[in-house]
Amino acid sequence: MNIEINRGVKEYLSEKAVQDIYIEMVNKGACCSGNVFVPVVRLGKPSYEERYNFFVKDEITLYVPKNINNEKIRKHHN
């Protein structure tokens, strides 16, 4: 997973006075397809912070669910 925060996003977050964002895995599956989880970016901190790892990039704190954590995320986190 490669996460980039482009200038437009930074400007949007600045306008909203938000410095925290998180990725929520939303189930978009239907009865025939089963569970299909899609990542959705949300503003603010997640409700259950203990289920997330986070890192700061360009003065923005990004929370990523621990269950989708990978080597690239860990490098940014440390």
PDB file of N, CA and C in Angstrom:
ATOM      1  N   MET A   1       0.850  -1.167   0.000  1.00  0.00           N
ATOM      2  CA  MET A   1       0.000   0.000   0.000  1.00  0.00           C
ATOM      3  C   MET A   1       0.896   1.230   0.000  1.00  0.00           C
ATOM      4  N   ASN A   2       0.652   2.110  -0.915  1.00  0.00           N
ATOM      5  CA  ASN A   2       1.388   3.365  -0.977  1.00  0.00           C
ATOM      6  C   ASN A   2       0.396   4.485  -0.734  1.00  0.00           C
ATOM      7  N   ILE A   3       0.666   5.290   0.266  1.00  0.00           N
ATOM      8  CA  ILE A   3      -0.244   6.375   0.615  1.00  0.00           C
ATOM      9  C   ILE A   3       0.422   7.696   0.292  1.00  0.00           C
ATOM     10  N   GLU A   4      -0.249   8.481  -0.535  1.00  0.00           N
ATOM     11  CA  GLU A   4       0.240   9.800  -0.885  1.00  0.00           C
ATOM     12  C   GLU A   4      -0.826  10.824  -0.520  1.00  0.00           C
ATOM     13  N   ILE A   5      -0.386  11.944  -0.002  1.00  0.00           N
ATOM     14  CA  ILE A   5      -1.300  13.026   0.334  1.00  0.00           C
ATOM     15  C   ILE A   5      -0.940  14.198  -0.569  1.00  0.00           C
ATOM     16  N   ASN A   6      -1.769  14.424  -1.589  1.00  0.00           N
ATOM     17  CA  ASN A   6      -1.414  15.473  -2.551  1.00  0.00           C
ATOM     18  C   ASN A   6      -1.838  16.861  -2.071  1.00  0.00           C
ATOM     19  N   ARG A   7      -1.419  17.852  -2.801  1.00  0.00           N
ATOM     20  CA  ARG A   7      -1.633  19.243  -2.412  1.00  0.00           C
ATOM     21  C   ARG A   7      -3.117  19.573  -2.248  1.00  0.00           C
ATOM     22  N   GLY A   8      -3.957  19.068  -3.138  1.00  0.00           N
ATOM     23  CA  GLY A   8      -5.392  19.334  -3.039  1.00  0.00           C
ATOM     24  C   GLY A   8      -5.984  18.821  -1.737  1.00  0.00           C
ATOM     25  N   VAL A   9      -5.540  17.645  -1.315  1.00  0.00           N
ATOM     26  CA  VAL A   9      -6.012  17.076  -0.047  1.00  0.00           C
ATOM     27  C   VAL A   9      -5.531  17.940   1.116  1.00  0.00           C
ATOM     28  N   LYS A  10      -4.277  18.334   1.066  1.00  0.00           N
ATOM     29  CA  LYS A  10      -3.725  19.175   2.136  1.00  0.00           C
ATOM     30  C   LYS A  10      -4.509  20.486   2.242  1.00  0.00           C
ATOM     31  N   GLU A  11      -4.830  21.083   1.102  1.00  0.00           N
ATOM     32  CA  GLU A  11      -5.597  22.331   1.102  1.00  0.00           C
ATOM     33  C   GLU A  11      -7.002  22.111   1.663  1.00  0.00           C
ATOM     34  N   TYR A  12      -7.639  21.000   1.262  1.00  0.00           N
ATOM     35  CA  TYR A  12      -8.980  20.674   1.753  1.00  0.00           C
ATOM     36  C   TYR A  12      -8.973  20.502   3.267  1.00  0.00           C
ATOM     37  N   LEU A  13      -7.999  19.735   3.777  1.00  0.00           N
ATOM     38  CA  LEU A  13      -7.913  19.510   5.215  1.00  0.00           C
ATOM     39  C   LEU A  13      -7.639  20.808   5.962  1.00  0.00           C
ATOM     40  N   SER A  14      -6.826  21.664   5.375  1.00  0.00           N
ATOM     41  CA  SER A  14      -6.541  22.961   5.985  1.00  0.00           C
ATOM     42  C   SER A  14      -7.815  23.810   6.062  1.00  0.00           C
ATOM     43  N   GLU A  15      -8.603  23.822   4.983  1.00  0.00           N
ATOM     44  CA  GLU A  15      -9.874  24.567   4.966  1.00  0.00           C
ATOM     45  C   GLU A  15     -10.833  24.054   6.034  1.00  0.00           C
ATOM     46  N   LYS A  16     -10.835  22.743   6.251  1.00  0.00           N
ATOM     47  CA  LYS A  16     -11.725  22.115   7.235  1.00  0.00           C
ATOM     48  C   LYS A  16     -11.139  22.144   8.646  1.00  0.00           C
ATOM     49  N   ALA A  17      -9.914  22.651   8.785  1.00  0.00           N
ATOM     50  CA  ALA A  17      -9.197  22.690  10.071  1.00  0.00           C
ATOM     51  C   ALA A  17      -9.085  21.290  10.669  1.00  0.00           C
ATOM     52  N   VAL A  18      -8.718  20.319   9.816  1.00  0.00           N
ATOM     53  CA  VAL A  18      -8.579  18.922  10.231  1.00  0.00           C
ATOM     54  C   VAL A  18      -7.143  18.486   9.977  1.00  0.00           C
ATOM     55  N   GLN A  19      -6.548  17.818  10.968  1.00  0.00           N
ATOM     56  CA  GLN A  19      -5.193  17.299  10.798  1.00  0.00           C
ATOM     57  C   GLN A  19      -5.145  15.786  10.957  1.00  0.00           C
ATOM     58  N   ASP A  20      -6.288  15.164  11.229  1.00  0.00           N
ATOM     59  CA  ASP A  20      -6.353  13.720  11.407  1.00  0.00           C
ATOM     60  C   ASP A  20      -7.311  13.127  10.385  1.00  0.00           C
ATOM     61  N   ILE A  21      -6.868  12.039   9.750  1.00  0.00           N
ATOM     62  CA  ILE A  21      -7.737  11.288   8.851  1.00  0.00           C
ATOM     63  C   ILE A  21      -7.529   9.804   9.128  1.00  0.00           C
ATOM     64  N   TYR A  22      -8.512   9.001   8.765  1.00  0.00           N
ATOM     65  CA  TYR A  22      -8.368   7.567   8.963  1.00  0.00           C
ATOM     66  C   TYR A  22      -9.001   6.799   7.818  1.00  0.00           C
ATOM     67  N   ILE A  23      -8.553   5.574   7.677  1.00  0.00           N
ATOM     68  CA  ILE A  23      -9.095   4.689   6.656  1.00  0.00           C
ATOM     69  C   ILE A  23     -10.044   3.716   7.341  1.00  0.00           C
ATOM     70  N   GLU A  24     -11.269   3.701   6.876  1.00  0.00           N
ATOM     71  CA  GLU A  24     -12.267   2.768   7.387  1.00  0.00           C
ATOM     72  C   GLU A  24     -12.530   1.728   6.303  1.00  0.00           C
ATOM     73  N   MET A  25     -12.550   0.474   6.682  1.00  0.00           N
ATOM     74  CA  MET A  25     -12.847  -0.592   5.730  1.00  0.00           C
ATOM     75  C   MET A  25     -14.356  -0.825   5.749  1.00  0.00           C
ATOM     76  N   VAL A  26     -15.021  -0.416   4.675  1.00  0.00           N
ATOM     77  CA  VAL A  26     -16.481  -0.476   4.575  1.00  0.00           C
ATOM     78  C   VAL A  26     -16.876  -1.675   3.731  1.00  0.00           C
ATOM     79  N   ASN A  27     -17.836  -2.458   4.231  1.00  0.00           N
ATOM     80  CA  ASN A  27     -18.307  -3.639   3.515  1.00  0.00           C
ATOM     81  C   ASN A  27     -19.283  -3.206   2.419  1.00  0.00           C
ATOM     82  N   LYS A  28     -18.871  -3.361   1.166  1.00  0.00           N
ATOM     83  CA  LYS A  28     -19.708  -3.011   0.014  1.00  0.00           C
ATOM     84  C   LYS A  28     -20.255  -4.259  -0.672  1.00  0.00           C
ATOM     85  N   GLY A  29     -20.075  -5.408  -0.046  1.00  0.00           N
ATOM     86  CA  GLY A  29     -20.539  -6.664  -0.632  1.00  0.00           C
ATOM     87  C   GLY A  29     -22.052  -6.794  -0.568  1.00  0.00           C
ATOM     88  N   ALA A  30     -22.554  -7.710  -1.364  1.00  0.00           N
ATOM     89  CA  ALA A  30     -23.980  -8.006  -1.388  1.00  0.00           C
ATOM     90  C   ALA A  30     -24.174  -9.474  -1.015  1.00  0.00           C
ATOM     91  N   CYS A  31     -25.401  -9.894  -0.985  1.00  0.00           N
ATOM     92  CA  CYS A  31     -25.696 -11.259  -0.544  1.00  0.00           C
ATOM     93  C   CYS A  31     -25.008 -12.320  -1.412  1.00  0.00           C
ATOM     94  N   CYS A  32     -24.895 -12.091  -2.696  1.00  0.00           N
ATOM     95  CA  CYS A  32     -24.297 -13.091  -3.600  1.00  0.00           C
ATOM     96  C   CYS A  32     -22.772 -13.038  -3.616  1.00  0.00           C
ATOM     97  N   SER A  33     -22.211 -11.856  -3.399  1.00  0.00           N
ATOM     98  CA  SER A  33     -20.755 -11.707  -3.499  1.00  0.00           C
ATOM     99  C   SER A  33     -20.048 -11.958  -2.176  1.00  0.00           C
ATOM    100  N   GLY A  34     -20.772 -11.931  -1.085  1.00  0.00           N
ATOM    101  CA  GLY A  34     -20.136 -12.048   0.219  1.00  0.00           C
ATOM    102  C   GLY A  34     -19.532 -10.715   0.620  1.00  0.00           C
ATOM    103  N   ASN A  35     -18.665 -10.739   1.603  1.00  0.00           N
ATOM    104  CA  ASN A  35     -18.034  -9.510   2.084  1.00  0.00           C
ATOM    105  C   ASN A  35     -17.012  -8.993   1.084  1.00  0.00           C
ATOM    106  N   VAL A  36     -17.126  -7.708   0.761  1.00  0.00           N
ATOM    107  CA  VAL A  36     -16.154  -7.029  -0.087  1.00  0.00           C
ATOM    108  C   VAL A  36     -15.836  -5.712   0.624  1.00  0.00           C
ATOM    109  N   PHE A  37     -14.670  -5.658   1.245  1.00  0.00           N
ATOM    110  CA  PHE A  37     -14.301  -4.469   2.004  1.00  0.00           C
ATOM    111  C   PHE A  37     -13.518  -3.494   1.133  1.00  0.00           C
ATOM    112  N   VAL A  38     -13.933  -2.228   1.177  1.00  0.00           N
ATOM    113  CA  VAL A  38     -13.343  -1.170   0.369  1.00  0.00           C
ATOM    114  C   VAL A  38     -12.837  -0.081   1.322  1.00  0.00           C
ATOM    115  N   PRO A  39     -11.603   0.398   1.126  1.00  0.00           N
ATOM    116  CA  PRO A  39     -11.109   1.466   2.002  1.00  0.00           C
ATOM    117  C   PRO A  39     -11.762   2.809   1.681  1.00  0.00           C
ATOM    118  N   VAL A  40     -12.194   3.509   2.742  1.00  0.00           N
ATOM    119  CA  VAL A  40     -12.814   4.823   2.619  1.00  0.00           C
ATOM    120  C   VAL A  40     -12.088   5.759   3.581  1.00  0.00           C
ATOM    121  N   VAL A  41     -11.695   6.923   3.088  1.00  0.00           N
ATOM    122  CA  VAL A  41     -11.002   7.899   3.931  1.00  0.00           C
ATOM    123  C   VAL A  41     -12.036   8.753   4.651  1.00  0.00           C
ATOM    124  N   ARG A  42     -11.848   8.889   5.964  1.00  0.00           N
ATOM    125  CA  ARG A  42     -12.751   9.689   6.802  1.00  0.00           C
ATOM    126  C   ARG A  42     -11.956  10.792   7.500  1.00  0.00           C
ATOM    127  N   LEU A  43     -12.618  11.888   7.795  1.00  0.00           N
ATOM    128  CA  LEU A  43     -11.985  12.995   8.519  1.00  0.00           C
ATOM    129  C   LEU A  43     -12.048  12.748  10.016  1.00  0.00           C
ATOM    130  N   GLY A  44     -11.018  13.184  10.720  1.00  0.00           N
ATOM    131  CA  GLY A  44     -10.981  13.066  12.173  1.00  0.00           C
ATOM    132  C   GLY A  44     -10.269  11.802  12.625  1.00  0.00           C
ATOM    133  N   LYS A  45     -10.403  11.510  13.913  1.00  0.00           N
ATOM    134  CA  LYS A  45      -9.806  10.307  14.492  1.00  0.00           C
ATOM    135  C   LYS A  45     -10.838   9.194  14.514  1.00  0.00           C
ATOM    136  N   PRO A  46     -10.395   7.950  14.386  1.00  0.00           N
ATOM    137  CA  PRO A  46     -11.346   6.838  14.445  1.00  0.00           C
ATOM    138  C   PRO A  46     -11.903   6.663  15.858  1.00  0.00           C
ATOM    139  N   SER A  47     -13.091   6.107  15.955  1.00  0.00           N
ATOM    140  CA  SER A  47     -13.733   5.887  17.254  1.00  0.00           C
ATOM    141  C   SER A  47     -12.923   4.947  18.136  1.00  0.00           C
ATOM    142  N   TYR A  48     -12.339   3.910  17.540  1.00  0.00           N
ATOM    143  CA  TYR A  48     -11.588   2.911  18.297  1.00  0.00           C
ATOM    144  C   TYR A  48     -10.118   3.000  17.909  1.00  0.00           C
ATOM    145  N   GLU A  49      -9.423   4.002  18.452  1.00  0.00           N
ATOM    146  CA  GLU A  49      -8.025   4.247  18.082  1.00  0.00           C
ATOM    147  C   GLU A  49      -7.127   3.045  18.337  1.00  0.00           C
ATOM    148  N   GLU A  50      -7.477   2.209  19.313  1.00  0.00           N
ATOM    149  CA  GLU A  50      -6.644   1.051  19.630  1.00  0.00           C
ATOM    150  C   GLU A  50      -6.614   0.023  18.494  1.00  0.00           C
ATOM    151  N   ARG A  51      -7.524   0.114  17.567  1.00  0.00           N
ATOM    152  CA  ARG A  51      -7.559  -0.802  16.416  1.00  0.00           C
ATOM    153  C   ARG A  51      -6.739  -0.287  15.234  1.00  0.00           C
ATOM    154  N   TYR A  52      -6.089   0.852  15.433  1.00  0.00           N
ATOM    155  CA  TYR A  52      -5.368   1.518  14.340  1.00  0.00           C
ATOM    156  C   TYR A  52      -3.904   1.754  14.701  1.00  0.00           C
ATOM    157  N   ASN A  53      -3.072   1.725  13.695  1.00  0.00           N
ATOM    158  CA  ASN A  53      -1.721   2.263  13.782  1.00  0.00           C
ATOM    159  C   ASN A  53      -1.780   3.634  13.131  1.00  0.00           C
ATOM    160  N   PHE A  54      -0.861   4.489  13.477  1.00  0.00           N
ATOM    161  CA  PHE A  54      -0.871   5.810  12.861  1.00  0.00           C
ATOM    162  C   PHE A  54       0.543   6.259  12.542  1.00  0.00           C
ATOM    163  N   PHE A  55       0.621   7.178  11.624  1.00  0.00           N
ATOM    164  CA  PHE A  55       1.877   7.859  11.345  1.00  0.00           C
ATOM    165  C   PHE A  55       1.560   9.275  10.899  1.00  0.00           C
ATOM    166  N   VAL A  56       2.550  10.130  11.018  1.00  0.00           N
ATOM    167  CA  VAL A  56       2.389  11.534  10.647  1.00  0.00           C
ATOM    168  C   VAL A  56       3.159  11.767   9.354  1.00  0.00           C
ATOM    169  N   LYS A  57       2.468  12.332   8.384  1.00  0.00           N
ATOM    170  CA  LYS A  57       3.078  12.653   7.102  1.00  0.00           C
ATOM    171  C   LYS A  57       2.606  14.045   6.707  1.00  0.00           C
ATOM    172  N   ASP A  58       3.548  14.929   6.444  1.00  0.00           N
ATOM    173  CA  ASP A  58       3.216  16.307   6.058  1.00  0.00           C
ATOM    174  C   ASP A  58       2.280  16.970   7.076  1.00  0.00           C
ATOM    175  N   GLU A  59       2.552  16.754   8.362  1.00  0.00           N
ATOM    176  CA  GLU A  59       1.783  17.329   9.466  1.00  0.00           C
ATOM    177  C   GLU A  59       0.346  16.819   9.540  1.00  0.00           C
ATOM    178  N   ILE A  60       0.056  15.726   8.865  1.00  0.00           N
ATOM    179  CA  ILE A  60      -1.260  15.101   8.903  1.00  0.00           C
ATOM    180  C   ILE A  60      -1.098  13.729   9.553  1.00  0.00           C
ATOM    181  N   THR A  61      -1.941  13.442  10.544  1.00  0.00           N
ATOM    182  CA  THR A  61      -1.908  12.140  11.198  1.00  0.00           C
ATOM    183  C   THR A  61      -2.868  11.223  10.475  1.00  0.00           C
ATOM    184  N   LEU A  62      -2.331  10.115   9.984  1.00  0.00           N
ATOM    185  CA  LEU A  62      -3.129   9.138   9.245  1.00  0.00           C
ATOM    186  C   LEU A  62      -3.233   7.861  10.067  1.00  0.00           C
ATOM    187  N   TYR A  63      -4.455   7.438  10.340  1.00  0.00           N
ATOM    188  CA  TYR A  63      -4.725   6.211  11.079  1.00  0.00           C
ATOM    189  C   TYR A  63      -5.085   5.115  10.084  1.00  0.00           C
ATOM    190  N   VAL A  64      -4.399   3.980  10.207  1.00  0.00           N
ATOM    191  CA  VAL A  64      -4.601   2.849   9.300  1.00  0.00           C
ATOM    192  C   VAL A  64      -4.980   1.637  10.141  1.00  0.00           C
ATOM    193  N   PRO A  65      -6.049   0.908   9.780  1.00  0.00           N
ATOM    194  CA  PRO A  65      -6.420  -0.268  10.562  1.00  0.00           C
ATOM    195  C   PRO A  65      -5.255  -1.252  10.691  1.00  0.00           C
ATOM    196  N   LYS A  66      -5.055  -1.762  11.892  1.00  0.00           N
ATOM    197  CA  LYS A  66      -3.955  -2.696  12.137  1.00  0.00           C
ATOM    198  C   LYS A  66      -4.047  -3.928  11.253  1.00  0.00           C
ATOM    199  N   ASN A  67      -5.249  -4.353  10.918  1.00  0.00           N
ATOM    200  CA  ASN A  67      -5.393  -5.570  10.121  1.00  0.00           C
ATOM    201  C   ASN A  67      -5.023  -5.390   8.651  1.00  0.00           C
ATOM    202  N   ILE A  68      -4.735  -4.160   8.197  1.00  0.00           N
ATOM    203  CA  ILE A  68      -4.225  -3.976   6.832  1.00  0.00           C
ATOM    204  C   ILE A  68      -2.824  -3.392   6.852  1.00  0.00           C
ATOM    205  N   ASN A  69      -2.204  -3.422   8.012  1.00  0.00           N
ATOM    206  CA  ASN A  69      -0.845  -2.902   8.168  1.00  0.00           C
ATOM    207  C   ASN A  69       0.134  -3.716   7.338  1.00  0.00           C
ATOM    208  N   ASN A  70       1.099  -3.066   6.724  1.00  0.00           N
ATOM    209  CA  ASN A  70       2.124  -3.767   5.953  1.00  0.00           C
ATOM    210  C   ASN A  70       3.478  -3.100   6.150  1.00  0.00           C
ATOM    211  N   GLU A  71       4.490  -3.590   5.505  1.00  0.00           N
ATOM    212  CA  GLU A  71       5.858  -3.106   5.701  1.00  0.00           C
ATOM    213  C   GLU A  71       6.004  -1.615   5.404  1.00  0.00           C
ATOM    214  N   LYS A  72       5.392  -1.119   4.335  1.00  0.00           N
ATOM    215  CA  LYS A  72       5.526   0.298   3.982  1.00  0.00           C
ATOM    216  C   LYS A  72       4.906   1.175   5.065  1.00  0.00           C
ATOM    217  N   ILE A  73       3.769   0.771   5.590  1.00  0.00           N
ATOM    218  CA  ILE A  73       3.116   1.523   6.656  1.00  0.00           C
ATOM    219  C   ILE A  73       4.018   1.521   7.903  1.00  0.00           C
ATOM    220  N   ARG A  74       4.578   0.369   8.254  1.00  0.00           N
ATOM    221  CA  ARG A  74       5.434   0.278   9.435  1.00  0.00           C
ATOM    222  C   ARG A  74       6.649   1.180   9.308  1.00  0.00           C
ATOM    223  N   LYS A  75       7.202   1.317   8.108  1.00  0.00           N
ATOM    224  CA  LYS A  75       8.350   2.190   7.910  1.00  0.00           C
ATOM    225  C   LYS A  75       7.991   3.633   8.215  1.00  0.00           C
ATOM    226  N   HIS A  76       6.785   4.063   7.799  1.00  0.00           N
ATOM    227  CA  HIS A  76       6.355   5.431   8.064  1.00  0.00           C
ATOM    228  C   HIS A  76       6.022   5.611   9.544  1.00  0.00           C
ATOM    229  N   HIS A  77       5.517   4.567  10.177  1.00  0.00           N
ATOM    230  CA  HIS A  77       5.078   4.629  11.569  1.00  0.00           C
ATOM    231  C   HIS A  77       6.258   4.754  12.514  1.00  0.00           C
ATOM    232  N   ASN A  78       7.372   4.138  12.200  1.00  0.00           N
ATOM    233  CA  ASN A  78       8.530   4.134  13.101  1.00  0.00           C
ATOM    234  C   ASN A  78       9.400   5.349  12.918  1.00  0.00           C
TER     235      ASN A  78
END
